[in-house]
Protein backbone atom coordinates (compact mmCIF):
# COMPACT_ATOMS: atom_id res chain seq x y z
CA MET A 1 50.65 53.35 85.75
CA ILE A 2 50.01 49.74 84.62
CA PHE A 3 50.11 48.59 88.24
CA SER A 4 47.60 51.31 89.18
CA ALA A 5 45.19 50.24 86.46
CA LEU A 6 45.50 46.56 87.39
CA SER A 7 44.92 47.35 91.07
CA CYS A 8 41.84 49.32 90.18
CA LEU A 9 40.59 46.45 88.01
CA LEU A 10 40.95 44.02 90.91
CA PHE A 11 39.04 46.46 93.15
CA VAL A 12 36.15 46.70 90.69
CA CYS A 13 36.09 42.93 90.18
CA GLN A 14 35.65 42.43 93.93
CA LEU A 15 32.64 44.73 93.93
CA PHE A 16 31.12 42.72 91.09
CA SER A 17 32.04 39.44 92.78
CA GLN A 18 28.85 37.71 91.70
CA GLN A 19 30.55 37.21 88.32
CA PRO A 20 33.68 35.07 87.88
CA SER A 21 35.29 37.47 85.39
CA PRO A 22 34.96 41.16 84.56
CA SER A 23 31.86 42.06 82.59
CA LYS A 24 31.96 44.39 79.62
CA LEU A 25 30.80 47.23 81.86
CA GLU A 26 33.50 46.57 84.44
CA SER A 27 36.16 46.51 81.76
CA ALA A 28 34.76 49.68 80.22
CA ILE A 29 34.91 51.50 83.55
CA ILE A 30 38.57 50.62 83.99
CA ALA A 31 39.40 51.51 80.39
CA ALA A 32 37.66 54.87 80.82
CA HIS A 33 39.57 55.56 84.04
CA HIS A 34 42.84 54.68 82.32
CA LYS A 35 41.95 56.98 79.41
CA ILE A 36 41.34 59.89 81.76
CA GLU A 37 44.59 59.21 83.62
CA THR A 38 46.82 58.88 80.58
CA ASP A 39 45.41 61.04 77.77
CA THR A 40 47.69 64.06 77.46
CA ARG A 41 45.17 66.39 75.82
CA SER A 42 44.37 69.46 77.91
CA PHE A 43 40.68 68.72 78.37
CA PHE A 44 41.44 65.33 79.92
CA LYS A 45 43.72 67.17 82.34
CA ASN A 46 40.67 69.21 83.37
CA VAL A 47 38.71 66.19 84.65
CA GLU A 48 38.39 66.28 88.42
CA SER A 49 36.29 63.24 89.30
CA PHE A 50 34.76 60.11 87.79
CA ILE A 51 32.40 58.05 89.99
CA VAL A 52 30.36 54.97 89.13
CA VAL A 53 27.71 53.19 91.19
CA ALA A 54 26.52 49.92 89.62
CA LYS A 55 23.79 47.76 91.12
CA GLY A 56 24.08 49.66 94.39
CA ASN A 57 27.86 49.16 94.69
CA LEU A 58 30.46 51.90 94.48
CA ALA A 59 32.36 50.52 91.49
CA LEU A 60 34.75 53.42 91.02
CA GLU A 61 35.53 56.70 92.79
CA LYS A 62 38.50 58.49 91.31
CA TYR A 63 39.80 62.04 91.61
CA TYR A 64 42.23 63.63 89.21
CA ASN A 65 44.52 66.58 88.68
CA GLY A 66 44.67 67.73 92.27
CA ALA A 67 40.95 67.35 93.06
CA LYS A 68 40.20 65.83 96.45
CA LYS A 69 37.40 63.61 97.71
CA ASP A 70 36.29 66.02 100.44
CA SER A 71 36.43 69.22 98.37
CA LEU A 72 33.24 71.04 97.43
CA HIS A 73 32.74 71.45 93.70
CA LEU A 74 30.52 74.03 91.99
CA ILE A 75 27.89 71.94 90.20
CA GLN A 76 26.63 74.80 88.03
CA SER A 77 23.22 74.11 86.42
CA GLN A 78 22.91 70.72 88.07
CA THR A 79 21.60 72.97 90.84
CA LYS A 80 18.39 73.34 88.80
CA SER A 81 17.73 69.59 88.94
CA ILE A 82 18.01 69.65 92.74
CA VAL A 83 15.64 72.63 92.89
CA SER A 84 13.15 70.53 90.92
CA LEU A 85 13.27 67.88 93.64
CA LEU A 86 12.73 70.57 96.27
CA MET A 87 9.58 71.74 94.51
CA GLY A 88 8.32 68.16 94.47
CA ILE A 89 8.91 67.96 98.22
CA ALA A 90 7.17 71.32 98.77
CA ILE A 91 4.10 70.01 96.94
CA ASP A 92 4.20 66.73 98.87
CA LYS A 93 4.38 68.63 102.18
CA GLY A 94 1.34 70.69 101.23
CA TYR A 95 3.09 74.04 100.90
CA VAL A 96 2.16 74.23 97.20
CA LYS A 97 -0.97 72.62 95.76
CA ASP A 98 0.55 71.35 92.50
CA GLU A 99 2.57 72.42 89.49
CA ASN A 100 -0.52 73.61 87.64
CA GLU A 101 -0.89 76.59 89.96
CA LEU A 102 -0.43 80.04 88.44
CA VAL A 103 2.81 81.82 89.22
CA ALA A 104 0.98 85.17 89.37
CA GLN A 105 -0.73 84.28 92.63
CA TYR A 106 2.66 84.31 94.34
CA PHE A 107 3.96 87.48 92.70
CA PRO A 108 0.97 89.77 92.07
CA ASP A 109 3.09 92.94 92.08
CA GLU A 110 5.30 91.73 89.21
CA PHE A 111 2.50 90.31 87.05
CA GLY A 112 0.45 93.10 85.50
CA LYS A 113 -3.31 92.58 85.44
CA ASP A 114 -3.43 93.40 81.73
CA ASP A 115 -0.72 90.94 80.70
CA GLY A 116 -2.81 87.89 79.79
CA LEU A 117 0.15 85.78 78.69
CA LYS A 118 2.05 86.35 81.90
CA LEU A 119 -1.03 85.75 84.03
CA SER A 120 -1.42 82.32 82.39
CA LEU A 121 2.08 81.19 83.41
CA ARG A 122 2.02 77.98 85.49
CA ILE A 123 4.67 76.46 87.74
CA LYS A 124 4.87 73.60 85.22
CA ASP A 125 5.75 76.03 82.43
CA VAL A 126 8.60 77.37 84.54
CA LEU A 127 9.89 73.88 85.44
CA THR A 128 9.97 72.86 81.78
CA MET A 129 11.61 76.11 80.65
CA SER A 130 8.68 76.82 78.38
CA ALA A 131 7.77 80.02 80.20
CA GLY A 132 7.55 82.00 76.95
CA MET A 133 9.48 84.94 78.38
CA ASP A 134 11.71 87.22 76.34
CA TRP A 135 15.02 85.72 77.43
CA GLU A 136 18.38 85.25 75.70
CA GLU A 137 21.06 83.19 77.41
CA MET A 138 22.98 81.28 74.73
CA LEU A 139 25.22 84.27 74.08
CA PRO A 140 28.74 85.25 75.17
CA VAL A 141 28.82 86.33 78.81
CA ASP A 142 29.93 89.83 77.86
CA ASP A 143 27.09 90.28 75.34
CA PRO A 144 24.78 93.01 76.70
CA LYS A 145 21.78 90.93 75.56
CA ASN A 146 22.71 87.93 77.74
CA ASP A 147 19.90 87.84 80.30
CA ASN A 148 21.61 85.31 82.54
CA ALA A 149 24.67 87.53 82.87
CA ASN A 150 22.49 90.60 83.32
CA MET A 151 20.48 88.84 86.02
CA PHE A 152 23.65 87.89 87.88
CA ARG A 153 25.05 91.42 87.67
CA SER A 154 21.76 92.94 88.84
CA GLY A 155 22.30 91.63 92.37
CA LYS A 156 18.55 91.00 92.61
CA TRP A 157 18.09 87.73 90.81
CA LEU A 158 14.44 86.99 91.57
CA GLN A 159 13.33 90.51 90.68
CA TYR A 160 15.16 90.34 87.36
CA ALA A 161 13.62 86.96 86.48
CA LEU A 162 10.08 88.00 87.40
CA THR A 163 10.09 91.25 85.44
CA ARG A 164 11.06 89.87 82.03
CA PRO A 165 8.33 90.52 79.43
CA MET A 166 6.54 87.71 77.64
CA ALA A 167 7.43 86.80 74.06
CA LYS A 168 4.93 84.02 73.42
CA LYS A 169 2.35 81.78 75.01
CA PRO A 170 3.70 79.45 77.73
CA PHE A 171 4.21 75.71 77.19
CA ILE A 172 4.70 76.08 73.44
CA GLU A 173 8.48 76.01 73.09
CA PHE A 174 11.52 75.14 75.19
CA LYS A 175 13.94 78.03 75.69
CA TYR A 176 16.76 77.73 78.18
CA ASN A 177 16.17 80.26 80.93
CA SER A 178 18.17 80.37 84.17
CA GLY A 179 15.64 82.79 85.59
CA CYS A 180 13.11 79.96 85.82
CA PRO A 181 14.64 78.24 88.88
CA MET A 182 14.77 81.64 90.60
CA MET A 183 10.98 81.78 90.32
CA ILE A 184 10.66 78.25 91.71
CA GLU A 185 12.87 79.24 94.64
CA GLY A 186 10.73 82.32 95.20
CA ILE A 187 7.59 80.19 95.43
CA ILE A 188 9.23 77.76 97.86
CA GLN A 189 10.43 80.65 99.99
CA LYS A 190 7.03 82.38 100.05
CA THR A 191 5.06 79.24 100.88
CA THR A 192 7.40 77.63 103.42
CA HIS A 193 8.74 80.83 105.02
CA MET A 194 12.15 79.19 104.78
CA THR A 195 15.17 80.01 102.65
CA LEU A 196 15.89 77.57 99.86
CA ASP A 197 19.01 76.49 101.72
CA ASP A 198 17.20 75.79 104.99
CA PHE A 199 14.46 73.91 103.13
CA ALA A 200 17.04 71.83 101.25
CA ILE A 201 18.93 71.01 104.45
CA GLU A 202 15.84 69.86 106.34
CA TYR A 203 14.07 67.89 103.63
CA LEU A 204 16.79 66.69 101.26
CA PHE A 205 20.39 67.12 102.37
CA GLU A 206 20.08 65.84 105.95
CA PRO A 207 17.98 62.80 104.96
CA LEU A 208 20.63 61.92 102.34
CA GLY A 209 23.52 62.46 104.73
CA ILE A 210 24.84 65.47 102.81
CA LYS A 211 26.67 67.34 105.57
CA GLU A 212 28.65 69.95 103.69
CA HIS A 213 27.68 72.33 100.90
CA SER A 214 27.80 75.98 99.98
CA TRP A 215 25.41 78.17 98.00
CA GLN A 216 25.97 81.54 96.34
CA LYS A 217 23.67 84.40 97.33
CA ASP A 218 22.82 87.76 95.80
CA SER A 219 22.73 91.17 97.51
CA THR A 220 19.31 90.38 99.01
CA GLY A 221 20.34 87.02 100.47
CA PHE A 222 18.51 85.11 97.73
CA TYR A 223 20.20 81.84 96.74
CA HIS A 224 21.41 81.08 93.22
CA ALA A 225 18.89 78.39 92.27
CA GLY A 226 20.14 78.32 88.70
CA GLY A 227 23.71 77.26 89.30
CA GLY A 228 25.26 78.39 92.57
CA LEU A 229 25.34 75.18 94.63
CA SER A 230 28.59 73.43 95.55
CA LEU A 231 28.63 69.80 96.71
CA LYS A 232 31.14 67.01 97.12
CA PRO A 233 31.04 64.88 93.94
CA ILE A 234 30.11 61.77 95.94
CA ASP A 235 27.13 63.65 97.37
CA MET A 236 25.90 64.54 93.89
CA VAL A 237 25.97 60.81 93.20
CA LYS A 238 23.47 60.41 96.05
CA ILE A 239 21.05 62.54 94.05
CA GLY A 240 21.44 60.10 91.16
CA LYS A 241 20.82 57.14 93.45
CA LEU A 242 17.70 58.90 94.75
CA ILE A 243 16.40 59.22 91.18
CA LEU A 244 17.22 55.58 90.50
CA ALA A 245 15.31 54.54 93.65
CA LYS A 246 12.28 56.62 92.58
CA GLY A 247 12.68 59.04 95.45
CA GLN A 248 13.43 56.57 98.25
CA TRP A 249 16.45 56.63 100.55
CA GLY A 250 17.01 54.09 103.30
CA GLY A 251 13.42 52.90 102.97
CA VAL A 252 12.02 56.42 103.40
CA GLN A 253 10.23 58.26 100.58
CA ILE A 254 12.17 61.54 100.40
CA VAL A 255 10.69 62.75 97.09
CA PRO A 256 7.33 61.41 95.90
CA GLU A 257 7.66 58.68 93.28
CA SER A 258 5.01 60.47 91.23
CA TRP A 259 7.20 63.59 91.16
CA ILE A 260 10.27 61.64 90.06
CA ARG A 261 8.19 60.20 87.25
CA LYS A 262 6.93 63.63 86.16
CA ALA A 263 10.30 65.32 86.52
CA THR A 264 12.14 62.75 84.42
CA GLN A 265 9.82 62.46 81.46
CA PRO A 266 10.46 64.66 78.41
CA TYR A 267 7.98 67.42 77.62
CA PHE A 268 10.05 69.08 74.90
CA VAL A 269 12.83 68.02 72.54
CA THR A 270 15.64 70.55 72.71
CA THR A 271 18.47 71.59 70.42
CA PHE A 272 20.95 70.52 73.11
CA SER A 273 22.15 67.24 71.55
CA GLN A 274 18.48 66.33 71.01
CA TYR A 275 17.89 65.84 74.73
CA GLY A 276 14.33 65.97 75.97
CA TYR A 277 13.56 68.20 78.92
CA GLY A 278 11.54 67.37 82.01
CA TYR A 279 11.27 69.39 85.22
CA PHE A 280 14.83 70.78 85.18
CA TRP A 281 16.08 67.28 84.26
CA TRP A 282 17.44 66.18 80.88
CA VAL A 283 16.14 62.94 79.34
CA LYS A 284 17.34 61.04 76.31
CA ASP A 285 17.01 57.61 74.71
CA MET A 286 20.67 56.84 74.04
CA MET A 287 21.74 54.40 71.36
CA ILE A 288 23.32 51.16 72.55
CA HIS A 289 23.26 49.65 69.08
CA GLU A 290 21.17 50.20 65.97
CA HIS A 291 18.26 48.15 67.32
CA LYS A 292 18.29 49.22 70.97
CA THR A 293 18.20 52.40 73.02
CA THR A 294 18.09 52.96 76.76
CA LYS A 295 16.59 55.84 78.72
CA VAL A 296 19.18 58.07 80.38
CA ILE A 297 18.25 60.77 82.90
CA SER A 298 20.82 63.46 83.54
CA ALA A 299 21.61 66.61 85.47
CA GLN A 300 24.01 68.81 83.54
CA GLY A 301 26.09 71.85 84.39
CA ALA A 302 28.48 74.07 82.47
CA GLY A 303 32.12 73.04 82.37
CA GLY A 304 31.44 69.30 82.38
CA GLN A 305 29.37 68.68 85.51
CA TYR A 306 27.37 65.61 84.45
CA LEU A 307 25.29 63.11 86.37
CA TYR A 308 23.90 60.18 84.36
CA VAL A 309 21.25 57.76 85.60
CA PHE A 310 20.60 54.55 83.61
CA PRO A 311 17.42 53.05 85.16
CA GLU A 312 17.46 49.93 82.97
CA PHE A 313 20.96 49.00 84.15
CA ASP A 314 20.80 50.21 87.78
CA LEU A 315 23.71 52.50 87.01
CA VAL A 316 24.74 56.01 88.11
CA ILE A 317 27.77 57.78 86.63
CA SER A 318 29.10 61.20 87.62
CA PHE A 319 31.77 63.51 86.22
CA THR A 320 33.11 66.81 87.44
CA GLU A 321 35.38 68.80 85.14
CA HIS A 322 36.77 72.26 84.57
CA ASN A 323 36.26 72.33 80.81
CA TYR A 324 34.88 75.77 80.09
CA GLY A 325 35.25 76.42 76.38
CA THR A 326 37.06 73.12 75.84
CA PRO A 327 35.72 69.67 74.83
CA LEU A 328 33.86 67.74 77.52
CA VAL A 329 35.16 64.37 78.64
CA GLY A 330 32.03 62.97 80.32
CA PRO A 331 29.87 62.70 77.19
CA PHE A 332 32.87 61.23 75.33
CA ILE A 333 33.30 58.52 77.98
CA ILE A 334 29.59 57.69 77.90
CA ASP A 335 29.50 57.44 74.10
CA HIS A 336 32.77 55.57 73.56
CA PHE A 337 33.09 53.39 76.65
CA ILE A 338 29.88 52.99 78.65
CA LEU A 339 27.15 52.67 76.02
CA PRO A 340 29.08 50.10 73.90
CA SER A 341 29.62 47.99 77.04
CA LEU A 342 25.86 47.70 77.60
CA ARG A 343 25.26 45.74 74.39
């Protein structure tokens, strides 16, 4: 085990060869890897991958507990963050005018003419999960009031999302709603005459060199825009690098820089560890020490699927886990290893 850690340290040092000795960050990466490998607690045994890209270099790519480099991994609600990028592309390509358009114009049959609140709903309100709909999701899966579970069981995900009644005026309050990305998918599908999957392949996955993925569908063939996408962990890291590069990949602007800026700024402060929320992206000023914070952009999915982007430090960190109902390792590693190393 000691030999393995030392070998990994030498590997990382080579990638950071511009420095004569390991930096605090390099040492923290190795210490974090060693912690994941050796901690005997059950939730550490549920970590499946830990990947770090620093200053454009692949500093660490490790798989644990039987996970393999080429295996697809369900990224859960990180799917929403990718759907946000797809909406930005759809606007850039001219399929949708902008995020201030009314949702009702795309779904006139589901938006009653007498429902003023629902008629005022904008794409932006949906992207920021401030739609104002009557929606409960932070409940046990078997609770009959859990709208996310009910939507999934309905077999008609878009229809379920569109027909929820309004509870308050849009863009007043953040409320987590996995029906929101279904509406975004519906708009992309209506305007492009392409499935979400085909649109993603042509305008995002192929340009990024993402060659394998899978996507859950409902009984109508509608894709699960809220959490049904599976990717290789290293391919999810490409999404983080795209954010870091303000939408560019290989010198080509894949997602407009203006959309990246809008998507990764906070519009609401949430009760989820005080994260701010952008366009299906989480944003937080994380504490490095008592006098300094740094902006961190993240895509997050249930069970420990976390992608962290640190723009100030040219750093992307990804975790995949299988910690459903157990403590999460990724946030622990960020708080106890990565952030202290950036001082």
